[in-house]
C-alpha cells in the first residue's frame, strides 16, 4: 500500500483567477508504507576510506606541528647562546 506525501514549495505563489485565492504549488512523492533498505545496496566503503584518510591527515598534521614547534624552541635556545638547550637525562642507579 502506498501513501502520498504532499510537499509545499517555497516558490512563487500562484493566484487562482476564479476565486482570487492564493494557491501554493505542491508536489506529490510516493512513499512506500514499509520502506526497507535495499538488500543489494553496498555499504559506503568509499566514504569510510575518505574519512580514514582525513583522520590520518589531521593526526599527521598535529604530530608534525608539535615536532616543528619543539624544534623551533630548541633553535631559539641555541640562537640565544645557551649551552644547556637539550639536557641529557640519565637514569639513577
N, C-alpha and C. Protein backbone atom coordinates (compact mmCIF):
# COMPACT_ATOMS: atom_id res chain seq x y z
N UNK A 1 0.85 -1.18 0.00
CA UNK A 1 0.00 0.00 0.00
C UNK A 1 0.90 1.24 0.00
N UNK A 2 0.57 2.17 -0.85
CA UNK A 2 1.36 3.39 -0.95
C UNK A 2 0.58 4.56 -0.40
N UNK A 3 1.29 5.51 0.12
CA UNK A 3 0.67 6.73 0.57
C UNK A 3 1.36 7.89 -0.12
N UNK A 4 0.71 8.99 -0.22
CA UNK A 4 1.26 10.15 -0.90
C UNK A 4 1.63 11.21 0.13
N UNK A 5 2.76 11.84 -0.10
CA UNK A 5 3.24 12.88 0.80
C UNK A 5 3.28 14.18 0.01
N UNK A 6 2.54 15.16 0.45
CA UNK A 6 2.49 16.45 -0.25
C UNK A 6 3.53 17.38 0.37
N UNK A 7 4.30 18.03 -0.49
CA UNK A 7 5.34 18.95 -0.03
C UNK A 7 5.04 20.32 -0.61
N UNK A 8 5.00 21.31 0.24
CA UNK A 8 4.80 22.68 -0.24
C UNK A 8 6.16 23.28 -0.57
N UNK A 9 6.23 23.90 -1.72
CA UNK A 9 7.47 24.51 -2.16
C UNK A 9 7.52 25.96 -1.72
N UNK A 10 8.71 26.47 -1.50
CA UNK A 10 8.88 27.87 -1.13
C UNK A 10 9.09 28.72 -2.38
N UNK A 11 8.33 28.46 -3.39
CA UNK A 11 8.47 29.19 -4.64
C UNK A 11 7.42 30.29 -4.73
N UNK A 12 7.22 30.80 -5.93
CA UNK A 12 6.22 31.85 -6.11
C UNK A 12 4.82 31.31 -5.87
N UNK A 13 3.97 32.13 -5.38
CA UNK A 13 2.59 31.75 -5.08
C UNK A 13 1.73 32.14 -6.27
N UNK A 14 0.96 31.16 -6.78
CA UNK A 14 0.07 31.43 -7.90
C UNK A 14 -1.29 31.86 -7.37
N UNK A 15 -1.96 32.72 -8.11
CA UNK A 15 -3.29 33.20 -7.70
C UNK A 15 -4.30 32.62 -8.66
N UNK A 16 -5.31 31.97 -8.10
CA UNK A 16 -6.37 31.40 -8.91
C UNK A 16 -7.27 32.52 -9.41
N UNK A 17 -7.44 32.66 -10.74
CA UNK A 17 -8.25 33.77 -11.24
C UNK A 17 -9.72 33.63 -10.92
N UNK A 18 -10.23 32.40 -10.74
CA UNK A 18 -11.66 32.21 -10.50
C UNK A 18 -12.04 32.64 -9.09
N UNK A 19 -11.24 32.29 -8.11
CA UNK A 19 -11.61 32.58 -6.72
C UNK A 19 -10.77 33.68 -6.11
N UNK A 20 -9.71 34.11 -6.81
CA UNK A 20 -8.80 35.15 -6.33
C UNK A 20 -8.11 34.72 -5.02
N UNK A 21 -7.97 33.43 -4.85
CA UNK A 21 -7.27 32.89 -3.68
C UNK A 21 -5.84 32.54 -4.08
N UNK A 22 -4.94 32.66 -3.14
CA UNK A 22 -3.56 32.28 -3.44
C UNK A 22 -3.43 30.77 -3.33
N UNK A 23 -2.72 30.18 -4.28
CA UNK A 23 -2.53 28.74 -4.34
C UNK A 23 -1.04 28.47 -4.30
N UNK A 24 -0.62 27.64 -3.35
CA UNK A 24 0.79 27.26 -3.24
C UNK A 24 0.98 25.99 -4.04
N UNK A 25 1.95 25.95 -4.98
CA UNK A 25 2.16 24.73 -5.77
C UNK A 25 2.64 23.60 -4.87
N UNK A 26 2.20 22.40 -5.17
CA UNK A 26 2.57 21.22 -4.39
C UNK A 26 3.11 20.15 -5.32
N UNK A 27 4.00 19.34 -4.80
CA UNK A 27 4.47 18.15 -5.49
C UNK A 27 4.13 16.95 -4.63
N UNK A 28 3.85 15.87 -5.28
CA UNK A 28 3.49 14.66 -4.54
C UNK A 28 4.57 13.60 -4.75
N UNK A 29 5.03 13.02 -3.66
CA UNK A 29 6.00 11.94 -3.70
C UNK A 29 5.33 10.66 -3.23
N UNK A 30 5.69 9.56 -3.87
CA UNK A 30 5.16 8.28 -3.43
C UNK A 30 6.13 7.70 -2.41
N UNK A 31 5.60 7.30 -1.27
CA UNK A 31 6.41 6.73 -0.20
C UNK A 31 5.85 5.35 0.11
N UNK A 32 6.70 4.36 0.10
CA UNK A 32 6.26 3.01 0.41
C UNK A 32 5.90 2.93 1.88
N UNK A 33 4.88 2.13 2.18
CA UNK A 33 4.40 2.01 3.56
C UNK A 33 5.46 1.37 4.46
N UNK A 34 6.06 0.30 4.00
CA UNK A 34 7.09 -0.39 4.77
C UNK A 34 8.42 -0.21 4.06
N UNK A 35 9.00 0.94 4.15
CA UNK A 35 10.25 1.24 3.45
C UNK A 35 11.40 0.51 4.15
N UNK A 36 12.03 -0.41 3.42
CA UNK A 36 13.16 -1.17 3.92
C UNK A 36 14.38 -0.83 3.06
N UNK A 37 15.58 -0.88 3.62
CA UNK A 37 16.77 -0.64 2.80
C UNK A 37 16.91 -1.74 1.75
N UNK A 38 17.46 -1.38 0.62
CA UNK A 38 17.66 -2.32 -0.47
C UNK A 38 18.71 -3.36 -0.06
N UNK A 39 18.39 -4.65 -0.10
CA UNK A 39 19.37 -5.66 0.32
C UNK A 39 20.57 -5.75 -0.62
N UNK A 40 20.43 -5.28 -1.85
CA UNK A 40 21.53 -5.32 -2.80
C UNK A 40 22.44 -4.12 -2.70
N UNK A 41 22.08 -3.15 -1.88
CA UNK A 41 22.92 -1.95 -1.78
C UNK A 41 24.18 -2.27 -0.99
N UNK A 42 25.29 -1.65 -1.42
CA UNK A 42 26.59 -1.88 -0.77
C UNK A 42 26.83 -0.80 0.27
N UNK A 43 27.58 -1.12 1.32
CA UNK A 43 27.90 -0.08 2.32
C UNK A 43 28.81 0.97 1.69
N UNK A 44 28.79 2.18 2.21
CA UNK A 44 29.58 3.27 1.63
C UNK A 44 31.06 3.13 1.96
N UNK A 45 31.74 2.22 1.28
CA UNK A 45 33.15 1.95 1.55
C UNK A 45 34.01 3.15 1.18
N UNK A 46 33.69 3.79 0.07
CA UNK A 46 34.46 4.96 -0.37
C UNK A 46 34.42 6.08 0.64
N UNK A 47 33.26 6.30 1.25
CA UNK A 47 33.14 7.35 2.27
C UNK A 47 33.95 7.00 3.51
N UNK A 48 33.97 5.74 3.88
CA UNK A 48 34.74 5.33 5.06
C UNK A 48 36.24 5.46 4.80
N UNK A 49 36.67 5.13 3.59
CA UNK A 49 38.08 5.30 3.25
C UNK A 49 38.47 6.77 3.26
N UNK A 50 37.59 7.61 2.71
CA UNK A 50 37.87 9.05 2.71
C UNK A 50 37.94 9.60 4.13
N UNK A 51 37.06 9.13 5.00
CA UNK A 51 37.09 9.56 6.40
C UNK A 51 38.38 9.12 7.07
N UNK A 52 38.82 7.91 6.80
CA UNK A 52 40.07 7.42 7.36
C UNK A 52 41.26 8.25 6.87
N UNK A 53 41.26 8.60 5.60
CA UNK A 53 42.34 9.44 5.05
C UNK A 53 42.36 10.80 5.72
N UNK A 54 41.19 11.39 5.92
CA UNK A 54 41.11 12.70 6.58
C UNK A 54 41.62 12.61 8.01
N UNK A 55 41.24 11.57 8.74
CA UNK A 55 41.69 11.40 10.13
C UNK A 55 43.21 11.24 10.18
N UNK A 56 43.77 10.45 9.26
CA UNK A 56 45.23 10.26 9.23
C UNK A 56 45.92 11.58 8.92
N UNK A 57 45.39 12.35 7.97
CA UNK A 57 45.99 13.64 7.64
C UNK A 57 45.94 14.61 8.82
N UNK A 58 44.83 14.63 9.53
CA UNK A 58 44.71 15.53 10.69
C UNK A 58 45.69 15.13 11.79
N UNK A 59 45.76 13.83 12.08
CA UNK A 59 46.69 13.38 13.12
C UNK A 59 48.14 13.61 12.71
N UNK A 60 48.46 13.37 11.44
CA UNK A 60 49.80 13.64 10.95
C UNK A 60 50.15 15.13 11.03
N UNK A 61 49.21 15.98 10.71
CA UNK A 61 49.43 17.43 10.82
C UNK A 61 49.63 17.86 12.26
N UNK A 62 48.86 17.26 13.16
CA UNK A 62 49.00 17.60 14.59
C UNK A 62 50.39 17.18 15.09
N UNK A 63 50.82 15.95 14.74
CA UNK A 63 52.13 15.45 15.15
C UNK A 63 53.24 16.32 14.57
N UNK A 64 53.14 16.65 13.29
CA UNK A 64 54.16 17.45 12.64
C UNK A 64 54.23 18.86 13.24
N UNK A 65 53.09 19.43 13.57
CA UNK A 65 53.07 20.76 14.19
C UNK A 65 53.80 20.75 15.53
N UNK A 66 53.57 19.74 16.35
CA UNK A 66 54.24 19.67 17.65
C UNK A 66 55.74 19.41 17.50
N UNK A 67 56.12 18.59 16.54
CA UNK A 67 57.54 18.34 16.32
C UNK A 67 58.24 19.61 15.84
N UNK A 68 57.63 20.34 14.93
CA UNK A 68 58.24 21.58 14.44
C UNK A 68 58.29 22.64 15.53
N UNK A 69 57.28 22.66 16.40
CA UNK A 69 57.27 23.62 17.50
C UNK A 69 58.42 23.34 18.48
N UNK A 70 58.63 22.08 18.81
CA UNK A 70 59.73 21.78 19.73
C UNK A 70 61.08 22.03 19.08
N UNK A 71 61.21 21.77 17.78
CA UNK A 71 62.46 22.05 17.09
C UNK A 71 62.72 23.55 17.02
N UNK A 72 61.67 24.33 16.82
CA UNK A 72 61.82 25.79 16.80
C UNK A 72 62.25 26.31 18.17
N UNK A 73 61.73 25.72 19.23
CA UNK A 73 62.13 26.12 20.58
C UNK A 73 63.59 25.81 20.83
N UNK A 74 64.04 24.64 20.36
CA UNK A 74 65.45 24.27 20.51
C UNK A 74 66.35 25.22 19.71
N UNK A 75 65.93 25.58 18.51
CA UNK A 75 66.71 26.51 17.70
C UNK A 75 66.77 27.89 18.34
N UNK A 76 65.66 28.33 18.93
CA UNK A 76 65.66 29.62 19.62
C UNK A 76 66.61 29.61 20.80
N UNK A 77 66.65 28.48 21.52
CA UNK A 77 67.55 28.36 22.66
C UNK A 77 69.01 28.42 22.21
N UNK A 78 69.36 27.70 21.17
CA UNK A 78 70.73 27.70 20.66
C UNK A 78 71.09 29.07 20.10
N UNK A 79 70.15 29.72 19.43
CA UNK A 79 70.42 31.03 18.85
C UNK A 79 70.65 32.09 19.92
N UNK A 80 70.11 31.87 21.13
CA UNK A 80 70.31 32.84 22.20
C UNK A 80 71.65 32.65 22.91
N UNK A 81 72.39 31.59 22.56
CA UNK A 81 73.73 31.40 23.11
C UNK A 81 73.79 30.46 24.29
N UNK A 82 72.75 29.81 24.64
CA UNK A 82 72.78 28.88 25.77
C UNK A 82 73.48 27.59 25.39
N UNK A 83 73.97 26.89 26.39
CA UNK A 83 74.66 25.62 26.13
C UNK A 83 73.91 24.42 26.67
N UNK A 84 72.86 24.64 27.43
CA UNK A 84 72.11 23.51 28.00
C UNK A 84 70.69 23.42 27.39
N UNK A 85 70.58 23.57 26.09
CA UNK A 85 69.26 23.60 25.43
C UNK A 85 68.60 22.24 25.38
N UNK A 86 69.36 21.19 25.21
CA UNK A 86 68.81 19.83 25.15
C UNK A 86 69.51 19.00 26.22
N UNK A 87 69.03 19.11 27.48
CA UNK A 87 69.71 18.37 28.55
C UNK A 87 69.58 16.86 28.36
N UNK A 88 70.63 16.16 28.72
CA UNK A 88 70.64 14.72 28.63
C UNK A 88 70.13 14.16 29.95
N UNK A 89 69.10 13.33 29.85
CA UNK A 89 68.56 12.73 31.08
C UNK A 89 69.16 11.34 31.26
N UNK A 90 69.55 11.05 32.47
CA UNK A 90 70.11 9.74 32.80
C UNK A 90 69.26 9.10 33.88
N UNK A 91 69.27 7.80 33.90
CA UNK A 91 68.51 7.08 34.93
C UNK A 91 69.39 6.94 36.16
N UNK A 92 68.80 7.06 37.31
CA UNK A 92 69.56 6.92 38.58
C UNK A 92 69.88 5.47 38.86
N UNK A 93 71.08 5.24 39.44
CA UNK A 93 71.46 3.86 39.77
C UNK A 93 71.36 3.62 41.22
